[in-house]
């Protein structure tokens, strides 16, 4: 893919771009494809600090091994009213590799009050492959006490994958 490094630092009013400059500008940092998945069927609970799948998952096959994948997650979590130290930790996985932690002790109130909250996260990944990749979210209880949940109230969760040319 072309990169914008060949473009002048500034343009004067009335400047005309050369064909090469136009191609460099057009080829850089484009969205090549978008994949989105939604999940809201089942509430998943965890009362341990061991990460478990939330069932929110999407796959993408990059067109180039230099492409970046922008991962955007929007998901509902909840804390039960059993323990004041309950909180959610969450992460984004690429296949079997944790690539981004988006929640650490999120939802902590220091009280036994239950609450429901939405977490939105974005992560720009550099997978360096043209093979199919699966992204998913996982979560756990931050403090190994009473349960926390994902997909709380069956609110639709979304994961969006955007391949960005580099």
C-alpha atoms as a PDB file:
ATOM      1  CA  UNK A   1       0.000   0.000   0.000  1.00  0.00           C
ATOM      2  CA  UNK A   2       1.076   3.545  -0.627  1.00  0.00           C
ATOM      3  CA  UNK A   3       2.001   5.826   2.255  1.00  0.00           C
ATOM      4  CA  UNK A   4       1.666   9.617   2.547  1.00  0.00           C
ATOM      5  CA  UNK A   5       5.419  10.090   3.085  1.00  0.00           C
ATOM      6  CA  UNK A   6       5.877  11.346  -0.496  1.00  0.00           C
ATOM      7  CA  UNK A   7       3.469  14.238  -0.042  1.00  0.00           C
ATOM      8  CA  UNK A   8       4.778  17.761   0.495  1.00  0.00           C
ATOM      9  CA  UNK A   9       4.595  19.076   4.070  1.00  0.00           C
ATOM     10  CA  UNK A  10       2.272  21.874   2.909  1.00  0.00           C
ATOM     11  CA  UNK A  11       0.420  22.846  -0.223  1.00  0.00           C
ATOM     12  CA  UNK A  12       0.136  26.358  -1.617  1.00  0.00           C
ATOM     13  CA  UNK A  13      -3.226  27.685  -2.715  1.00  0.00           C
ATOM     14  CA  UNK A  14      -3.810  26.635  -6.284  1.00  0.00           C
ATOM     15  CA  UNK A  15      -1.272  23.779  -6.132  1.00  0.00           C
ATOM     16  CA  UNK A  16      -2.011  20.805  -8.327  1.00  0.00           C
ATOM     17  CA  UNK A  17      -1.106  17.364  -7.021  1.00  0.00           C
ATOM     18  CA  UNK A  18       0.882  15.094  -9.273  1.00  0.00           C
ATOM     19  CA  UNK A  19      -0.583  11.697 -10.151  1.00  0.00           C
ATOM     20  CA  UNK A  20       1.925  10.047  -7.810  1.00  0.00           C
ATOM     21  CA  UNK A  21       0.948  12.345  -4.906  1.00  0.00           C
ATOM     22  CA  UNK A  22      -2.751  11.670  -5.524  1.00  0.00           C
ATOM     23  CA  UNK A  23      -2.145   7.907  -5.499  1.00  0.00           C
ATOM     24  CA  UNK A  24      -0.125   8.173  -2.283  1.00  0.00           C
ATOM     25  CA  UNK A  25      -2.899  10.164  -0.634  1.00  0.00           C
ATOM     26  CA  UNK A  26      -5.665   7.868  -1.875  1.00  0.00           C
ATOM     27  CA  UNK A  27      -3.930   4.639  -0.834  1.00  0.00           C
ATOM     28  CA  UNK A  28      -2.980   5.494   2.721  1.00  0.00           C
ATOM     29  CA  UNK A  29      -5.065   4.784   5.808  1.00  0.00           C
ATOM     30  CA  UNK A  30      -8.239   3.616   4.072  1.00  0.00           C
ATOM     31  CA  UNK A  31     -10.849   1.387   5.623  1.00  0.00           C
ATOM     32  CA  UNK A  32     -10.626  -1.760   3.507  1.00  0.00           C
ATOM     33  CA  UNK A  33     -13.386  -3.807   5.161  1.00  0.00           C
ATOM     34  CA  UNK A  34     -15.709  -3.757   8.142  1.00  0.00           C
ATOM     35  CA  UNK A  35     -17.094  -6.753  10.051  1.00  0.00           C
ATOM     36  CA  UNK A  36     -19.590  -6.435  12.882  1.00  0.00           C
ATOM     37  CA  UNK A  37     -21.130  -8.994  15.211  1.00  0.00           C
ATOM     38  CA  UNK A  38     -23.859  -8.583  17.818  1.00  0.00           C
ATOM     39  CA  UNK A  39     -24.583 -10.832  20.769  1.00  0.00           C
ATOM     40  CA  UNK A  40     -27.319 -10.591  23.384  1.00  0.00           C
ATOM     41  CA  UNK A  41     -28.695 -14.072  23.863  1.00  0.00           C
ATOM     42  CA  UNK A  42     -27.306 -15.262  27.194  1.00  0.00           C
ATOM     43  CA  UNK A  43     -25.981 -13.595  30.310  1.00  0.00           C
ATOM     44  CA  UNK A  44     -22.580 -15.046  31.220  1.00  0.00           C
ATOM     45  CA  UNK A  45     -21.548 -15.008  34.904  1.00  0.00           C
ATOM     46  CA  UNK A  46     -18.208 -15.365  36.650  1.00  0.00           C
ATOM     47  CA  UNK A  47     -17.340 -15.390  40.336  1.00  0.00           C
ATOM     48  CA  UNK A  48     -13.626 -16.122  39.931  1.00  0.00           C
ATOM     49  CA  UNK A  49     -10.603 -14.206  38.647  1.00  0.00           C
ATOM     50  CA  UNK A  50     -10.238 -16.693  35.775  1.00  0.00           C
ATOM     51  CA  UNK A  51     -11.097 -15.086  32.433  1.00  0.00           C
ATOM     52  CA  UNK A  52     -14.072 -16.593  30.570  1.00  0.00           C
ATOM     53  CA  UNK A  53     -15.563 -15.871  27.138  1.00  0.00           C
ATOM     54  CA  UNK A  54     -18.495 -13.460  26.911  1.00  0.00           C
ATOM     55  CA  UNK A  55     -19.623 -15.095  23.627  1.00  0.00           C
ATOM     56  CA  UNK A  56     -19.059 -11.807  21.746  1.00  0.00           C
ATOM     57  CA  UNK A  57     -16.848 -12.730  18.796  1.00  0.00           C
ATOM     58  CA  UNK A  58     -16.099 -11.722  15.183  1.00  0.00           C
ATOM     59  CA  UNK A  59     -13.655 -12.867  12.504  1.00  0.00           C
ATOM     60  CA  UNK A  60     -11.851 -11.008   9.744  1.00  0.00           C
ATOM     61  CA  UNK A  61      -9.343 -11.970   7.044  1.00  0.00           C
ATOM     62  CA  UNK A  62      -6.951  -9.060   6.353  1.00  0.00           C
ATOM     63  CA  UNK A  63      -6.165  -8.271   2.716  1.00  0.00           C
ATOM     64  CA  UNK A  64      -2.559  -7.326   3.538  1.00  0.00           C
ATOM     65  CA  UNK A  65      -0.107  -8.376   6.239  1.00  0.00           C
ATOM     66  CA  UNK A  66       0.697  -4.694   6.846  1.00  0.00           C
ATOM     67  CA  UNK A  67      -2.916  -3.776   7.603  1.00  0.00           C
ATOM     68  CA  UNK A  68      -4.037  -2.705  11.060  1.00  0.00           C
ATOM     69  CA  UNK A  69      -7.279  -3.966  12.617  1.00  0.00           C
ATOM     70  CA  UNK A  70      -9.291  -1.460  14.632  1.00  0.00           C
ATOM     71  CA  UNK A  71     -11.362  -3.369  17.209  1.00  0.00           C
ATOM     72  CA  UNK A  72     -14.339  -1.509  18.702  1.00  0.00           C
ATOM     73  CA  UNK A  73     -16.294  -3.156  21.543  1.00  0.00           C
ATOM     74  CA  UNK A  74     -19.512  -1.994  23.215  1.00  0.00           C
ATOM     75  CA  UNK A  75     -20.738  -4.362  25.924  1.00  0.00           C
ATOM     76  CA  UNK A  76     -22.852  -4.368  29.100  1.00  0.00           C
ATOM     77  CA  UNK A  77     -21.552  -5.812  32.373  1.00  0.00           C
ATOM     78  CA  UNK A  78     -23.042  -6.085  35.834  1.00  0.00           C
ATOM     79  CA  UNK A  79     -22.085  -6.481  39.458  1.00  0.00           C
ATOM     80  CA  UNK A  80     -24.287  -8.470  41.842  1.00  0.00           C
ATOM     81  CA  UNK A  81     -25.175  -7.150  45.261  1.00  0.00           C
ATOM     82  CA  UNK A  82     -23.290  -9.820  47.200  1.00  0.00           C
ATOM     83  CA  UNK A  83     -19.913  -8.243  47.890  1.00  0.00           C
ATOM     84  CA  UNK A  84     -18.650  -4.652  48.054  1.00  0.00           C
ATOM     85  CA  UNK A  85     -15.394  -5.600  46.303  1.00  0.00           C
ATOM     86  CA  UNK A  86     -16.968  -7.025  43.141  1.00  0.00           C
ATOM     87  CA  UNK A  87     -15.769  -5.447  39.918  1.00  0.00           C
ATOM     88  CA  UNK A  88     -15.164  -6.487  36.313  1.00  0.00           C
ATOM     89  CA  UNK A  89     -11.919  -7.019  34.515  1.00  0.00           C
ATOM     90  CA  UNK A  90     -12.155  -7.452  30.748  1.00  0.00           C
ATOM     91  CA  UNK A  91      -9.938  -7.944  27.737  1.00  0.00           C
ATOM     92  CA  UNK A  92      -9.879  -8.318  23.965  1.00  0.00           C
ATOM     93  CA  UNK A  93      -8.426 -11.533  22.572  1.00  0.00           C
ATOM     94  CA  UNK A  94      -6.956 -12.146  19.105  1.00  0.00           C
ATOM     95  CA  UNK A  95      -7.334 -15.892  18.645  1.00  0.00           C
ATOM     96  CA  UNK A  96      -5.671 -17.250  21.837  1.00  0.00           C
ATOM     97  CA  UNK A  97      -3.630 -14.099  22.594  1.00  0.00           C
ATOM     98  CA  UNK A  98      -4.742 -11.319  24.953  1.00  0.00           C
ATOM     99  CA  UNK A  99      -4.058  -8.068  23.075  1.00  0.00           C
ATOM    100  CA  UNK A 100      -5.794  -5.392  25.160  1.00  0.00           C
ATOM    101  CA  UNK A 101      -7.155  -5.052  28.694  1.00  0.00           C
ATOM    102  CA  UNK A 102     -10.132  -2.680  28.617  1.00  0.00           C
ATOM    103  CA  UNK A 103     -11.386  -3.009  32.184  1.00  0.00           C
ATOM    104  CA  UNK A 104      -9.671  -3.381  35.543  1.00  0.00           C
ATOM    105  CA  UNK A 105     -11.880  -3.106  38.639  1.00  0.00           C
ATOM    106  CA  UNK A 106     -14.583  -1.458  36.524  1.00  0.00           C
ATOM    107  CA  UNK A 107     -17.909  -1.095  38.297  1.00  0.00           C
ATOM    108  CA  UNK A 108     -16.300  -1.093  41.738  1.00  0.00           C
ATOM    109  CA  UNK A 109     -18.430   0.867  44.209  1.00  0.00           C
ATOM    110  CA  UNK A 110     -17.113  -0.245  47.593  1.00  0.00           C
ATOM    111  CA  UNK A 111     -20.709  -1.080  48.507  1.00  0.00           C
ATOM    112  CA  UNK A 112     -22.934  -4.145  48.225  1.00  0.00           C
ATOM    113  CA  UNK A 113     -25.184  -2.324  45.746  1.00  0.00           C
ATOM    114  CA  UNK A 114     -25.691  -4.086  42.417  1.00  0.00           C
ATOM    115  CA  UNK A 115     -25.057  -2.070  39.277  1.00  0.00           C
ATOM    116  CA  UNK A 116     -25.062  -2.421  35.519  1.00  0.00           C
ATOM    117  CA  UNK A 117     -22.661  -0.511  33.301  1.00  0.00           C
ATOM    118  CA  UNK A 118     -21.576  -0.299  29.676  1.00  0.00           C
ATOM    119  CA  UNK A 119     -17.956  -0.493  28.624  1.00  0.00           C
ATOM    120  CA  UNK A 120     -16.852   0.771  25.233  1.00  0.00           C
ATOM    121  CA  UNK A 121     -13.290   0.079  24.133  1.00  0.00           C
ATOM    122  CA  UNK A 122     -11.142   0.564  21.047  1.00  0.00           C
ATOM    123  CA  UNK A 123      -7.854  -1.104  20.210  1.00  0.00           C
ATOM    124  CA  UNK A 124      -5.662  -0.808  17.107  1.00  0.00           C
ATOM    125  CA  UNK A 125      -4.026  -4.171  16.459  1.00  0.00           C
ATOM    126  CA  UNK A 126      -1.149  -5.091  14.125  1.00  0.00           C
ATOM    127  CA  UNK A 127      -1.694  -8.795  13.446  1.00  0.00           C
ATOM    128  CA  UNK A 128       0.800  -9.044  10.507  1.00  0.00           C
ATOM    129  CA  UNK A 129      -1.136 -11.802   8.725  1.00  0.00           C
ATOM    130  CA  UNK A 130      -3.495 -12.475   5.829  1.00  0.00           C
ATOM    131  CA  UNK A 131      -5.017 -15.488   7.575  1.00  0.00           C
ATOM    132  CA  UNK A 132      -8.429 -15.368   9.244  1.00  0.00           C
ATOM    133  CA  UNK A 133      -8.330 -13.864  12.755  1.00  0.00           C
ATOM    134  CA  UNK A 134     -10.976 -14.153  15.457  1.00  0.00           C
ATOM    135  CA  UNK A 135     -11.411 -11.411  18.050  1.00  0.00           C
ATOM    136  CA  UNK A 136     -13.479 -11.894  21.188  1.00  0.00           C
ATOM    137  CA  UNK A 137     -13.977 -10.458  24.645  1.00  0.00           C
ATOM    138  CA  UNK A 138     -13.341 -12.175  27.958  1.00  0.00           C
ATOM    139  CA  UNK A 139     -14.060 -11.089  31.518  1.00  0.00           C
ATOM    140  CA  UNK A 140     -13.700 -12.129  35.140  1.00  0.00           C
ATOM    141  CA  UNK A 141     -14.423 -10.917  38.628  1.00  0.00           C
ATOM    142  CA  UNK A 142     -11.624  -8.616  39.774  1.00  0.00           C
ATOM    143  CA  UNK A 143     -11.765  -9.794  43.384  1.00  0.00           C
ATOM    144  CA  UNK A 144     -12.803 -13.489  43.292  1.00  0.00           C
ATOM    145  CA  UNK A 145     -16.059 -12.925  45.192  1.00  0.00           C
ATOM    146  CA  UNK A 146     -19.760 -13.003  44.271  1.00  0.00           C
ATOM    147  CA  UNK A 147     -20.685 -13.030  40.602  1.00  0.00           C
ATOM    148  CA  UNK A 148     -20.217 -10.412  37.917  1.00  0.00           C
ATOM    149  CA  UNK A 149     -21.892 -10.774  34.526  1.00  0.00           C
ATOM    150  CA  UNK A 150     -21.504  -9.939  30.858  1.00  0.00           C
ATOM    151  CA  UNK A 151     -24.347  -9.199  28.412  1.00  0.00           C
ATOM    152  CA  UNK A 152     -26.361  -8.071  31.437  1.00  0.00           C
ATOM    153  CA  UNK A 153     -30.107  -7.551  30.857  1.00  0.00           C
ATOM    154  CA  UNK A 154     -29.599  -9.187  27.442  1.00  0.00           C
ATOM    155  CA  UNK A 155     -28.506  -5.791  26.122  1.00  0.00           C
ATOM    156  CA  UNK A 156     -26.999  -6.235  22.645  1.00  0.00           C
ATOM    157  CA  UNK A 157     -23.212  -6.182  22.683  1.00  0.00           C
ATOM    158  CA  UNK A 158     -21.293  -5.328  19.523  1.00  0.00           C
ATOM    159  CA  UNK A 159     -17.795  -5.937  18.261  1.00  0.00           C
ATOM    160  CA  UNK A 160     -16.709  -4.135  15.105  1.00  0.00           C
ATOM    161  CA  UNK A 161     -13.530  -4.969  13.202  1.00  0.00           C
ATOM    162  CA  UNK A 162     -12.159  -2.501  10.653  1.00  0.00           C
ATOM    163  CA  UNK A 163      -9.197  -3.313   8.439  1.00  0.00           C
ATOM    164  CA  UNK A 164      -7.129  -0.150   7.925  1.00  0.00           C
ATOM    165  CA  UNK A 165      -4.496  -0.016   5.181  1.00  0.00           C
ATOM    166  CA  UNK A 166      -1.042   0.973   6.397  1.00  0.00           C
END
